[in-house]
Structures are given as structure tokens and as C-alpha cells.
Amino acid sequence: MITPLILSPALNAANLSNIADLKWGAVKYGSFISHVITFVIVAFVLFMIIKGINAAKKKEEAAPAAPALPTQEEKLLSEIRDLLKNRN
């Protein structure tokens, strides 16, 4: 399905209507080549889709998180620190 669309000019030059018609003696290698080309195209498309998904996830993770608010203990410790600074 995909292969004839891509290889139409080459098939016309070889006077073939289908890549599966290619054969060398009794060995029909055209069908194998057709399946390999289809596999490579599908694998490339899946690779690009997964790469795009990973890039989108990376952008989400790259967003900085809001700084955490100080806890009650940290507030008290900072007040004590400030009081000690002012005392001296």
C-alpha cells in the first residue's frame, strides 16, 4: 500500500506494475523488498511520534515548580535568628 506510492517512478522505469513482481530466476525478492520498505517507513513514523511525545513530556518537566512555603518551624527559626541578630 505505501510502497507503490513511493516507488511508482522506479517501477514505471523498470516496466513493472507491482514491486512484488520482481524476481531473479525462481526467487521472488520483490515481495521481501516491499515488506522491508514498508517496515522502515512505519518504524520511522513511530520513532518520530515517540520522539515528539518525549519532547512534550520534557517541556512539562522543565517548568519550574513554585518555591515551597516555609513551614511553621522554619518561620519560628527565622524569627529567632532575627531576634538574635538584633540583640547583638
N, C-alpha and C. Protein backbone atom coordinates (compact mmCIF):
# COMPACT_ATOMS: atom_id res chain seq x y z
N MET A 1 0.82 -1.18 0.00
CA MET A 1 0.00 0.00 0.00
C MET A 1 0.88 1.25 0.00
N ILE A 2 1.83 1.33 0.91
CA ILE A 2 2.70 2.51 0.98
C ILE A 2 3.76 2.45 -0.11
N THR A 3 4.30 1.27 -0.32
CA THR A 3 5.43 1.12 -1.23
C THR A 3 5.13 1.56 -2.67
N PRO A 4 4.02 1.17 -3.26
CA PRO A 4 3.76 1.62 -4.64
C PRO A 4 3.65 3.13 -4.76
N LEU A 5 3.17 3.80 -3.75
CA LEU A 5 3.06 5.25 -3.81
C LEU A 5 4.44 5.90 -3.89
N ILE A 6 5.38 5.32 -3.19
CA ILE A 6 6.73 5.90 -3.12
C ILE A 6 7.56 5.50 -4.33
N LEU A 7 7.41 4.26 -4.75
CA LEU A 7 8.29 3.73 -5.80
C LEU A 7 7.67 3.74 -7.19
N SER A 8 6.60 4.46 -7.40
CA SER A 8 5.95 4.46 -8.71
C SER A 8 6.89 4.85 -9.84
N PRO A 9 7.69 5.91 -9.71
CA PRO A 9 8.59 6.26 -10.83
C PRO A 9 9.61 5.15 -11.14
N ALA A 10 10.14 4.53 -10.11
CA ALA A 10 11.12 3.47 -10.33
C ALA A 10 10.46 2.24 -10.96
N LEU A 11 9.25 1.93 -10.53
CA LEU A 11 8.53 0.79 -11.10
C LEU A 11 8.18 1.05 -12.56
N ASN A 12 7.80 2.26 -12.89
CA ASN A 12 7.50 2.59 -14.28
C ASN A 12 8.74 2.47 -15.15
N ALA A 13 9.89 2.86 -14.62
CA ALA A 13 11.14 2.77 -15.38
C ALA A 13 11.53 1.31 -15.61
N ALA A 14 11.17 0.43 -14.67
CA ALA A 14 11.51 -0.99 -14.80
C ALA A 14 10.41 -1.77 -15.52
N ASN A 15 9.39 -1.08 -16.02
CA ASN A 15 8.26 -1.70 -16.72
C ASN A 15 7.55 -2.73 -15.84
N LEU A 16 7.34 -2.37 -14.57
CA LEU A 16 6.62 -3.23 -13.64
C LEU A 16 5.42 -2.47 -13.11
N SER A 17 4.38 -3.23 -12.79
CA SER A 17 3.21 -2.59 -12.21
C SER A 17 3.20 -2.74 -10.68
N ASN A 18 3.94 -3.73 -10.19
CA ASN A 18 3.97 -4.00 -8.75
C ASN A 18 5.37 -4.45 -8.37
N ILE A 19 5.85 -3.99 -7.23
CA ILE A 19 7.21 -4.35 -6.81
C ILE A 19 7.29 -5.84 -6.47
N ALA A 20 6.17 -6.46 -6.12
CA ALA A 20 6.17 -7.89 -5.81
C ALA A 20 6.46 -8.74 -7.04
N ASP A 21 6.37 -8.16 -8.23
CA ASP A 21 6.65 -8.90 -9.46
C ASP A 21 8.14 -9.09 -9.72
N LEU A 22 8.98 -8.41 -8.96
CA LEU A 22 10.43 -8.55 -9.17
C LEU A 22 10.87 -9.97 -8.81
N LYS A 23 11.66 -10.58 -9.68
CA LYS A 23 12.19 -11.91 -9.37
C LYS A 23 13.49 -12.11 -10.11
N TRP A 24 14.29 -12.97 -9.56
CA TRP A 24 15.58 -13.32 -10.14
C TRP A 24 15.59 -14.83 -10.27
N GLY A 25 15.40 -15.31 -11.45
CA GLY A 25 15.23 -16.75 -11.64
C GLY A 25 13.92 -17.18 -11.01
N ALA A 26 14.01 -18.10 -10.05
CA ALA A 26 12.82 -18.59 -9.37
C ALA A 26 12.60 -17.87 -8.04
N VAL A 27 13.51 -16.98 -7.66
CA VAL A 27 13.43 -16.29 -6.37
C VAL A 27 12.67 -14.98 -6.55
N LYS A 28 11.56 -14.86 -5.85
CA LYS A 28 10.76 -13.63 -5.91
C LYS A 28 11.20 -12.73 -4.74
N TYR A 29 12.10 -11.82 -5.00
CA TYR A 29 12.62 -10.95 -3.96
C TYR A 29 11.86 -9.63 -3.88
N GLY A 30 10.99 -9.37 -4.78
CA GLY A 30 10.23 -8.12 -4.80
C GLY A 30 9.32 -7.97 -3.59
N SER A 31 8.68 -9.06 -3.20
CA SER A 31 7.79 -9.02 -2.04
C SER A 31 8.58 -8.72 -0.78
N PHE A 32 9.76 -9.32 -0.65
CA PHE A 32 10.62 -9.07 0.51
C PHE A 32 11.03 -7.60 0.57
N ILE A 33 11.45 -7.05 -0.55
CA ILE A 33 11.87 -5.65 -0.60
C ILE A 33 10.69 -4.74 -0.24
N SER A 34 9.52 -5.09 -0.72
CA SER A 34 8.32 -4.31 -0.42
C SER A 34 8.05 -4.30 1.08
N HIS A 35 8.16 -5.45 1.71
CA HIS A 35 7.92 -5.53 3.15
C HIS A 35 8.99 -4.81 3.95
N VAL A 36 10.22 -4.86 3.51
CA VAL A 36 11.30 -4.15 4.21
C VAL A 36 11.08 -2.65 4.11
N ILE A 37 10.73 -2.15 2.96
CA ILE A 37 10.49 -0.71 2.79
C ILE A 37 9.31 -0.27 3.65
N THR A 38 8.24 -1.05 3.67
CA THR A 38 7.08 -0.72 4.49
C THR A 38 7.46 -0.70 5.97
N PHE A 39 8.25 -1.69 6.40
CA PHE A 39 8.69 -1.73 7.80
C PHE A 39 9.51 -0.50 8.16
N VAL A 40 10.42 -0.12 7.30
CA VAL A 40 11.27 1.05 7.58
C VAL A 40 10.42 2.31 7.68
N ILE A 41 9.45 2.47 6.81
CA ILE A 41 8.59 3.65 6.84
C ILE A 41 7.77 3.69 8.13
N VAL A 42 7.17 2.56 8.50
CA VAL A 42 6.37 2.51 9.72
C VAL A 42 7.24 2.73 10.95
N ALA A 43 8.43 2.14 10.98
CA ALA A 43 9.34 2.33 12.11
C ALA A 43 9.76 3.78 12.24
N PHE A 44 10.02 4.45 11.13
CA PHE A 44 10.41 5.86 11.17
C PHE A 44 9.27 6.73 11.70
N VAL A 45 8.05 6.46 11.24
CA VAL A 45 6.89 7.23 11.70
C VAL A 45 6.69 7.03 13.21
N LEU A 46 6.77 5.79 13.68
CA LEU A 46 6.64 5.54 15.11
C LEU A 46 7.74 6.22 15.91
N PHE A 47 8.96 6.20 15.38
CA PHE A 47 10.08 6.87 16.04
C PHE A 47 9.80 8.35 16.19
N MET A 48 9.31 8.98 15.13
CA MET A 48 9.03 10.41 15.18
C MET A 48 7.89 10.72 16.16
N ILE A 49 6.88 9.87 16.22
CA ILE A 49 5.77 10.08 17.16
C ILE A 49 6.28 9.98 18.59
N ILE A 50 7.06 8.95 18.89
CA ILE A 50 7.59 8.77 20.24
C ILE A 50 8.54 9.89 20.60
N LYS A 51 9.34 10.34 19.65
CA LYS A 51 10.25 11.46 19.91
C LYS A 51 9.47 12.72 20.24
N GLY A 52 8.38 12.97 19.54
CA GLY A 52 7.54 14.12 19.82
C GLY A 52 6.89 14.04 21.19
N ILE A 53 6.43 12.86 21.57
CA ILE A 53 5.82 12.67 22.89
C ILE A 53 6.85 12.91 23.98
N ASN A 54 8.06 12.38 23.80
CA ASN A 54 9.11 12.59 24.80
C ASN A 54 9.49 14.06 24.90
N ALA A 55 9.52 14.77 23.80
CA ALA A 55 9.85 16.20 23.83
C ALA A 55 8.76 16.97 24.58
N ALA A 56 7.51 16.59 24.39
CA ALA A 56 6.41 17.25 25.09
C ALA A 56 6.49 16.99 26.59
N LYS A 57 6.84 15.77 26.97
CA LYS A 57 6.97 15.45 28.39
C LYS A 57 8.13 16.22 29.01
N LYS A 58 9.22 16.36 28.26
CA LYS A 58 10.39 17.06 28.77
C LYS A 58 10.05 18.53 29.02
N LYS A 59 9.23 19.14 28.15
CA LYS A 59 8.83 20.53 28.33
C LYS A 59 7.98 20.68 29.59
N GLU A 60 7.13 19.70 29.86
CA GLU A 60 6.31 19.75 31.06
C GLU A 60 7.18 19.65 32.31
N GLU A 61 8.17 18.78 32.30
CA GLU A 61 9.05 18.60 33.45
C GLU A 61 9.96 19.81 33.64
N ALA A 62 10.30 20.51 32.57
CA ALA A 62 11.23 21.62 32.66
C ALA A 62 10.61 22.84 33.34
N ALA A 63 9.30 22.90 33.41
CA ALA A 63 8.66 24.04 34.06
C ALA A 63 9.02 24.03 35.55
N PRO A 64 9.57 25.15 36.05
CA PRO A 64 9.99 25.16 37.45
C PRO A 64 8.78 25.13 38.38
N ALA A 65 8.97 24.41 39.47
CA ALA A 65 7.90 24.32 40.45
C ALA A 65 7.93 25.57 41.33
N ALA A 66 6.80 25.93 41.84
CA ALA A 66 6.72 27.10 42.72
C ALA A 66 7.53 26.81 43.98
N PRO A 67 8.24 27.82 44.49
CA PRO A 67 9.03 27.57 45.70
C PRO A 67 8.12 27.20 46.86
N ALA A 68 8.58 26.26 47.65
CA ALA A 68 7.78 25.78 48.77
C ALA A 68 7.70 26.86 49.84
N LEU A 69 6.56 27.00 50.41
CA LEU A 69 6.38 27.96 51.50
C LEU A 69 7.10 27.44 52.74
N PRO A 70 7.68 28.34 53.53
CA PRO A 70 8.37 27.86 54.73
C PRO A 70 7.38 27.26 55.72
N THR A 71 7.84 26.23 56.37
CA THR A 71 6.99 25.58 57.37
C THR A 71 6.94 26.44 58.62
N GLN A 72 6.08 26.07 59.53
CA GLN A 72 5.94 26.82 60.78
C GLN A 72 7.26 26.80 61.56
N GLU A 73 7.94 25.67 61.52
CA GLU A 73 9.22 25.55 62.22
C GLU A 73 10.26 26.50 61.61
N GLU A 74 10.30 26.57 60.29
CA GLU A 74 11.26 27.46 59.63
C GLU A 74 10.94 28.92 59.94
N LYS A 75 9.66 29.27 60.02
CA LYS A 75 9.28 30.64 60.37
C LYS A 75 9.77 31.00 61.78
N LEU A 76 9.55 30.08 62.72
CA LEU A 76 9.99 30.32 64.09
C LEU A 76 11.50 30.44 64.18
N LEU A 77 12.20 29.57 63.45
CA LEU A 77 13.67 29.63 63.48
C LEU A 77 14.17 30.94 62.88
N SER A 78 13.54 31.40 61.82
CA SER A 78 13.98 32.66 61.23
C SER A 78 13.68 33.85 62.16
N GLU A 79 12.57 33.80 62.90
CA GLU A 79 12.29 34.84 63.88
C GLU A 79 13.33 34.85 64.99
N ILE A 80 13.70 33.68 65.46
CA ILE A 80 14.73 33.58 66.50
C ILE A 80 16.05 34.12 65.98
N ARG A 81 16.39 33.78 64.75
CA ARG A 81 17.63 34.27 64.15
C ARG A 81 17.63 35.80 64.07
N ASP A 82 16.51 36.36 63.63
CA ASP A 82 16.42 37.82 63.51
C ASP A 82 16.51 38.50 64.88
N LEU A 83 15.88 37.90 65.87
CA LEU A 83 15.96 38.46 67.22
C LEU A 83 17.38 38.41 67.76
N LEU A 84 18.08 37.34 67.49
CA LEU A 84 19.47 37.21 67.95
C LEU A 84 20.37 38.23 67.21
N LYS A 85 20.10 38.48 65.94
CA LYS A 85 20.88 39.47 65.19
C LYS A 85 20.69 40.87 65.78
N ASN A 86 19.43 41.18 66.08
CA ASN A 86 19.11 42.50 66.61
C ASN A 86 19.65 42.68 68.04
N ARG A 87 19.80 41.64 68.75
CA ARG A 87 20.25 41.67 70.14
C ARG A 87 21.72 42.05 70.23
N ASN A 88 22.49 41.62 69.30
CA ASN A 88 23.96 41.87 69.36
C ASN A 88 24.31 43.15 68.72
